[in-house]
Amino acid sequence: MLTRPALKARLRRDGLRLRKRLGQHFLVSERVRDRLVEAIDLRPSDVVIEIGAGTGALTERLVEAAGRVIAFEVDGGLAAVLAEQLAGAPGLEIRCEDVLKANLGELAAEAGNQDVVLVGNLPYSITTPIITRVLESGLAFRAAYFTLQREVAQRLLVAPGSRDRGAITYLVEYHAEARRVLAVPRTAFEPVPAVESVFVELIRRAAPAVSPQNPELMFALIRAAFGARRKMLKNALRRLEWVALPDNKLAAAARLEGAVRDCGLDPRSRAEQLTLQQFADLSDALVRAQAAH
C-alpha cells in the first residue's frame, strides 16, 4: 500500500489533485488496514464490491482473500493509479463510475450463487445516499463493512428514544443488523479528516425485521416524521400527501390521529421515540383507515 509520503509523491508525479467534493481521504496506515481486513469475514467464493477503492490500500488485500473483487472508483486519475498498482491481480475488475448510478442488481445477477460482500471507506458527504442505495437496490449481499463518520455510525447503532436516530436508522434496522467493529483514528488517512471514523458491520437479515402490509407507506411515514422531527407526531405526519383529502383536510387529519390512537401511541411523541415495529403498526392502521374510508 502507499504510505503517506508515497501517496503524496505519487499524486505529484501524476499531476493529480485531491477533489474536495468527492470527500477523498485515503487510508495510509498499514496497521489500521490490517485490522480492518482482519475484521472482514471473507471467503474464497465471495464477490467483493468495494466502494471508493482510491489507490487500493484495501483492494490489494481483498483480492488475496476473495474470489472476485469489483472495485468502484469514480476518479479517473485514481482509477488509473489503482490499475497500475494492482496490474495482473487475479479476479479484480476496476469500474471507473459512480456507484450511485451503477446497476447493483445486475452485479448481484452476475455473482450467481456466490456471496456478495460490500466494503468501503465512504465519502462523508454521501454516506447516507450510498447506504440507502445499497439497501434499496435489491442487492442480495451477505454483509457490508463500511468506514463511516463517527456521527453517522452512531445514528445507525443507537436505541429508540435517542435524538441521534434518523430515517436511515430505521432503513438499516429493517434490512440488516448493525454492529460497531472498531474506531479508526483520523491519523490513519491522508489528508487527515476533521472528523473521527468508525468501522461498522451490517449483516443482512434473512427476512426484514418487521412485516408491514405496505413497506413503502411505512418508510414514507418515517421520512415524513423525521422531515419535521421537531414537531409532534400528529403534526409531522400531516406532510404525507396521500393522507390529506383535497376536499376535506379535517377528515384526513382525524383519520391520521385515529390511527395514532389505535396503535396506542402518544400523538405528542417525536419521531425518534418510536420503534420500527411501531412505525409498521402505524402504517398498517393507516391502511385499514384508508380502506374503511
Protein backbone atom coordinates (compact mmCIF):
# COMPACT_ATOMS: atom_id res chain seq x y z
CA MET A 1 0.00 0.00 0.00
CA LEU A 2 1.04 3.61 -0.45
CA THR A 3 2.28 5.23 2.74
CA ARG A 4 1.60 8.91 3.41
CA PRO A 5 4.87 10.12 1.80
CA ALA A 6 4.48 7.67 -1.10
CA LEU A 7 0.90 8.79 -1.73
CA LYS A 8 1.88 12.46 -1.81
CA ALA A 9 4.78 11.68 -4.14
CA ARG A 10 2.57 9.63 -6.43
CA LEU A 11 -0.06 12.35 -6.67
CA ARG A 12 2.64 14.91 -7.52
CA ARG A 13 4.19 12.60 -10.11
CA ASP A 14 0.91 12.08 -11.92
CA GLY A 15 -0.28 15.65 -11.51
CA LEU A 16 -3.32 14.54 -9.53
CA ARG A 17 -5.14 16.74 -7.05
CA LEU A 18 -7.47 15.59 -4.35
CA ARG A 19 -11.04 16.64 -5.08
CA LYS A 20 -12.78 18.02 -2.02
CA ARG A 21 -16.26 17.47 -3.48
CA LEU A 22 -15.54 13.73 -3.63
CA GLY A 23 -14.55 13.62 0.05
CA GLN A 24 -11.23 11.95 -0.74
CA HIS A 25 -9.33 10.69 2.31
CA PHE A 26 -7.06 7.71 1.69
CA LEU A 27 -6.03 5.02 4.12
CA VAL A 28 -2.26 5.17 4.65
CA SER A 29 -1.84 3.19 7.87
CA GLU A 30 -0.82 -0.42 7.25
CA ARG A 31 -1.61 -1.31 10.87
CA VAL A 32 -5.17 0.03 10.60
CA ARG A 33 -5.58 -1.54 7.16
CA ASP A 34 -4.66 -4.95 8.54
CA ARG A 35 -7.09 -4.59 11.46
CA LEU A 36 -9.91 -3.70 9.06
CA VAL A 37 -9.22 -6.63 6.74
CA GLU A 38 -8.98 -8.99 9.69
CA ALA A 39 -12.46 -7.88 10.81
CA ILE A 40 -14.00 -8.59 7.40
CA ASP A 41 -15.35 -12.12 7.13
CA LEU A 42 -14.21 -13.09 3.63
CA ARG A 43 -14.33 -16.48 1.92
CA PRO A 44 -12.62 -17.63 -1.29
CA SER A 45 -16.01 -17.89 -3.00
CA ASP A 46 -17.05 -14.31 -2.17
CA VAL A 47 -17.60 -11.49 -4.63
CA VAL A 48 -16.50 -8.21 -3.05
CA ILE A 49 -17.89 -4.88 -4.19
CA GLU A 50 -15.54 -2.17 -2.98
CA ILE A 51 -16.87 1.38 -2.95
CA GLY A 52 -14.26 4.12 -3.27
CA ALA A 53 -11.16 1.99 -3.86
CA GLY A 54 -8.84 5.00 -4.10
CA THR A 55 -5.28 3.82 -4.60
CA GLY A 56 -6.02 0.28 -3.45
CA ALA A 57 -4.96 0.19 0.21
CA LEU A 58 -7.74 -2.29 0.98
CA THR A 59 -8.13 -3.64 -2.54
CA GLU A 60 -4.76 -5.37 -2.60
CA ARG A 61 -5.70 -7.39 0.48
CA LEU A 62 -9.27 -8.06 -0.67
CA VAL A 63 -8.10 -9.73 -3.89
CA GLU A 64 -5.97 -12.09 -1.80
CA ALA A 65 -8.96 -13.29 0.23
CA ALA A 66 -11.94 -13.23 -2.15
CA GLY A 67 -12.71 -14.95 -5.42
CA ARG A 68 -13.56 -11.72 -7.22
CA VAL A 69 -13.32 -8.00 -6.43
CA ILE A 70 -15.29 -5.31 -8.25
CA ALA A 71 -13.67 -2.01 -7.27
CA PHE A 72 -15.57 1.24 -7.87
CA GLU A 73 -13.54 4.44 -8.14
CA VAL A 74 -15.22 7.48 -9.66
CA ASP A 75 -11.99 9.50 -10.05
CA GLY A 76 -10.42 8.54 -13.38
CA GLY A 77 -6.91 9.56 -12.31
CA LEU A 78 -7.06 7.42 -9.21
CA ALA A 79 -8.60 4.52 -11.11
CA ALA A 80 -5.52 4.61 -13.36
CA VAL A 81 -3.22 4.59 -10.31
CA LEU A 82 -5.21 1.66 -8.90
CA ALA A 83 -4.90 -0.26 -12.18
CA GLU A 84 -1.13 0.27 -12.21
CA GLN A 85 -0.70 -0.60 -8.54
CA LEU A 86 -2.61 -3.86 -8.93
CA ALA A 87 -1.82 -4.81 -12.51
CA GLY A 88 -2.34 -8.51 -13.01
CA ALA A 89 -4.22 -9.07 -9.75
CA PRO A 90 -6.45 -12.13 -10.31
CA GLY A 91 -10.20 -11.63 -10.13
CA LEU A 92 -10.00 -7.82 -9.98
CA GLU A 93 -12.34 -5.63 -12.04
CA ILE A 94 -11.98 -1.86 -11.78
CA ARG A 95 -15.02 0.25 -12.63
CA CYS A 96 -14.45 3.97 -13.06
CA GLU A 97 -18.01 5.01 -12.36
CA ASP A 98 -20.28 6.41 -9.68
CA VAL A 99 -21.65 3.58 -7.55
CA LEU A 100 -24.82 5.65 -7.01
CA LYS A 101 -25.54 5.26 -10.72
CA ALA A 102 -24.45 1.64 -11.07
CA ASN A 103 -26.89 -1.21 -11.55
CA LEU A 104 -26.22 -3.11 -8.33
CA GLY A 105 -28.98 -5.60 -9.06
CA GLU A 106 -27.14 -6.51 -12.25
CA LEU A 107 -23.96 -7.07 -10.26
CA ALA A 108 -25.84 -9.45 -7.98
CA ALA A 109 -27.07 -11.41 -11.01
CA GLU A 110 -23.51 -11.63 -12.32
CA ALA A 111 -22.38 -13.04 -8.98
CA GLY A 112 -24.69 -16.02 -9.41
CA ASN A 113 -24.80 -18.17 -6.31
CA GLN A 114 -21.75 -16.56 -4.75
CA ASP A 115 -21.99 -14.39 -1.67
CA VAL A 116 -21.63 -10.65 -2.10
CA VAL A 117 -19.75 -8.59 0.48
CA LEU A 118 -19.56 -4.82 0.30
CA VAL A 119 -16.54 -2.90 1.59
CA GLY A 120 -15.88 0.81 1.51
CA ASN A 121 -14.40 3.91 3.04
CA LEU A 122 -17.47 6.01 2.23
CA PRO A 123 -17.18 9.72 1.41
CA TYR A 124 -18.70 11.52 4.38
CA SER A 125 -20.88 13.82 2.27
CA ILE A 126 -22.72 10.98 0.51
CA THR A 127 -22.66 8.22 3.12
CA THR A 128 -26.43 8.14 3.62
CA PRO A 129 -27.26 8.09 -0.13
CA ILE A 130 -24.83 5.22 -0.67
CA ILE A 131 -26.17 3.11 2.20
CA THR A 132 -29.73 3.85 1.08
CA ARG A 133 -28.88 2.89 -2.49
CA VAL A 134 -27.31 -0.39 -1.39
CA LEU A 135 -30.20 -1.37 0.87
CA GLU A 136 -32.94 -0.43 -1.58
CA SER A 137 -31.26 -1.87 -4.68
CA GLY A 138 -32.28 -5.46 -4.04
CA LEU A 139 -28.62 -6.48 -3.96
CA ALA A 140 -28.57 -9.74 -2.00
CA PHE A 141 -25.36 -9.06 -0.11
CA ARG A 142 -24.30 -11.18 2.86
CA ALA A 143 -22.56 -8.41 4.74
CA ALA A 144 -21.28 -4.86 4.36
CA TYR A 145 -18.28 -3.28 6.06
CA PHE A 146 -18.08 0.49 5.92
CA THR A 147 -15.83 3.15 7.40
CA LEU A 148 -18.18 5.96 8.37
CA GLN A 149 -18.01 9.33 10.06
CA ARG A 150 -18.48 8.64 13.78
CA GLU A 151 -21.69 10.66 13.99
CA VAL A 152 -23.23 8.72 11.09
CA ALA A 153 -22.19 5.39 12.60
CA GLN A 154 -23.78 6.44 15.88
CA ARG A 155 -27.04 7.13 14.04
CA LEU A 156 -27.10 3.55 12.78
CA LEU A 157 -26.48 1.98 16.17
CA VAL A 158 -28.50 3.95 18.74
CA ALA A 159 -31.58 2.65 20.54
CA PRO A 160 -35.12 4.09 20.23
CA GLY A 161 -35.56 7.34 22.08
CA SER A 162 -32.14 8.73 21.22
CA ARG A 163 -32.04 12.05 19.41
CA ASP A 164 -29.27 10.63 17.24
CA ARG A 165 -31.75 8.45 15.39
CA GLY A 166 -32.82 9.36 11.87
CA ALA A 167 -34.69 7.86 8.93
CA ILE A 168 -31.54 5.96 7.91
CA THR A 169 -31.55 4.23 11.33
CA TYR A 170 -34.85 2.53 10.54
CA LEU A 171 -33.88 1.63 6.98
CA VAL A 172 -30.74 -0.11 8.21
CA GLU A 173 -32.61 -1.88 11.03
CA TYR A 174 -35.25 -3.12 8.58
CA HIS A 175 -32.66 -4.74 6.30
CA ALA A 176 -29.68 -5.57 8.49
CA GLU A 177 -28.14 -5.98 11.92
CA ALA A 178 -25.59 -3.23 12.55
CA ARG A 179 -22.54 -3.58 14.78
CA ARG A 180 -19.67 -1.27 15.68
CA VAL A 181 -16.40 -3.05 14.91
CA LEU A 182 -13.66 -0.57 15.78
CA ALA A 183 -12.71 3.10 15.86
CA VAL A 184 -10.49 4.38 13.05
CA PRO A 185 -8.20 7.28 14.03
CA ARG A 186 -8.09 10.41 11.90
CA THR A 187 -4.34 9.98 11.50
CA ALA A 188 -4.87 6.78 9.51
CA PHE A 189 -5.90 8.89 6.49
CA GLU A 190 -4.29 11.33 4.08
CA PRO A 191 -5.31 14.09 4.08
CA VAL A 192 -6.24 13.91 7.76
CA PRO A 193 -10.01 14.49 8.04
CA ALA A 194 -11.58 16.83 10.59
CA VAL A 195 -13.79 14.05 11.99
CA GLU A 196 -13.31 10.68 13.64
CA SER A 197 -14.37 7.48 11.88
CA VAL A 198 -15.86 4.14 12.88
CA PHE A 199 -15.76 0.82 11.05
CA VAL A 200 -19.20 -0.84 11.12
CA GLU A 201 -20.57 -4.20 10.06
CA LEU A 202 -24.02 -4.69 8.51
CA ILE A 203 -25.22 -8.29 8.35
CA ARG A 204 -28.18 -8.59 6.00
CA ARG A 205 -31.25 -10.16 7.60
CA ALA A 206 -32.73 -13.30 6.07
CA ALA A 207 -36.10 -11.52 6.29
CA PRO A 208 -36.96 -7.88 7.11
CA ALA A 209 -37.09 -7.01 10.81
CA VAL A 210 -40.82 -6.16 10.61
CA SER A 211 -43.65 -7.12 8.23
CA PRO A 212 -45.89 -4.14 7.43
CA GLN A 213 -48.63 -4.61 4.85
CA ASN A 214 -47.19 -1.72 2.85
CA PRO A 215 -43.43 -1.21 3.42
CA GLU A 216 -43.37 1.82 1.10
CA LEU A 217 -46.00 3.51 3.23
CA MET A 218 -44.09 2.68 6.41
CA PHE A 219 -40.95 4.35 5.08
CA ALA A 220 -43.00 7.29 3.80
CA LEU A 221 -44.23 7.71 7.39
CA ILE A 222 -40.68 7.52 8.71
CA ARG A 223 -39.41 10.09 6.22
CA ALA A 224 -42.32 12.41 6.96
CA ALA A 225 -41.82 12.08 10.71
CA PHE A 226 -38.10 12.84 10.51
CA GLY A 227 -38.63 15.54 7.92
CA ALA A 228 -40.26 17.52 10.72
CA ARG A 229 -38.61 15.84 13.68
CA ARG A 230 -39.06 18.83 15.99
CA LYS A 231 -42.81 18.58 15.60
CA MET A 232 -45.12 16.25 17.47
CA LEU A 233 -46.02 13.06 15.63
CA LYS A 234 -49.59 14.10 14.84
CA ASN A 235 -48.36 17.26 13.12
CA ALA A 236 -45.27 15.85 11.44
CA LEU A 237 -47.18 13.10 9.66
CA ARG A 238 -49.64 15.50 8.05
CA ARG A 239 -46.93 16.19 5.50
CA LEU A 240 -47.89 12.92 3.80
CA GLU A 241 -49.73 13.85 0.61
CA TRP A 242 -51.81 10.66 0.45
CA VAL A 243 -53.31 11.29 3.90
CA ALA A 244 -54.74 14.71 3.03
CA LEU A 245 -58.04 14.78 1.15
CA PRO A 246 -58.17 17.86 -1.07
CA ASP A 247 -61.81 18.49 -0.18
CA ASN A 248 -61.71 17.54 3.48
CA LYS A 249 -58.41 18.03 5.28
CA LEU A 250 -60.08 17.95 8.67
CA ALA A 251 -61.34 14.43 7.97
CA ALA A 252 -57.87 13.38 6.82
CA ALA A 253 -56.31 14.77 10.00
CA ALA A 254 -58.90 12.96 12.10
CA ARG A 255 -58.17 9.70 10.28
CA LEU A 256 -54.47 10.11 10.95
CA GLU A 257 -54.97 10.92 14.62
CA GLY A 258 -57.32 7.93 14.92
CA ALA A 259 -54.63 5.64 13.52
CA VAL A 260 -52.11 7.01 16.02
CA ARG A 261 -54.54 6.34 18.89
CA ASP A 262 -55.36 2.85 17.57
CA CYS A 263 -51.68 1.98 17.88
CA GLY A 264 -51.54 3.22 21.46
CA LEU A 265 -49.13 5.99 20.52
CA ASP A 266 -48.94 9.38 22.14
CA PRO A 267 -49.72 11.92 19.37
CA ARG A 268 -47.37 14.31 21.16
CA SER A 269 -44.39 11.97 20.81
CA ARG A 270 -41.45 12.69 18.49
CA ALA A 271 -40.23 10.57 15.62
CA GLU A 272 -37.14 9.21 17.38
CA GLN A 273 -39.26 7.85 20.23
CA LEU A 274 -40.97 5.27 18.01
CA THR A 275 -39.58 1.81 17.32
CA LEU A 276 -39.52 0.30 13.85
CA GLN A 277 -42.37 -2.01 14.89
CA GLN A 278 -44.47 0.98 15.97
CA PHE A 279 -43.98 2.62 12.58
CA ALA A 280 -45.03 -0.69 10.97
CA ASP A 281 -48.13 -0.84 13.18
CA LEU A 282 -48.99 2.77 12.36
CA SER A 283 -48.69 2.17 8.62
CA ASP A 284 -50.98 -0.86 8.94
CA ALA A 285 -53.50 1.23 10.90
CA LEU A 286 -53.48 3.82 8.13
CA VAL A 287 -54.00 1.12 5.50
CA ARG A 288 -57.06 -0.05 7.43
CA ALA A 289 -58.33 3.52 7.84
CA GLN A 290 -57.89 4.21 4.14
CA ALA A 291 -59.76 1.02 3.23
CA ALA A 292 -62.64 1.88 5.54
CA HIS A 293 -62.99 5.44 4.22
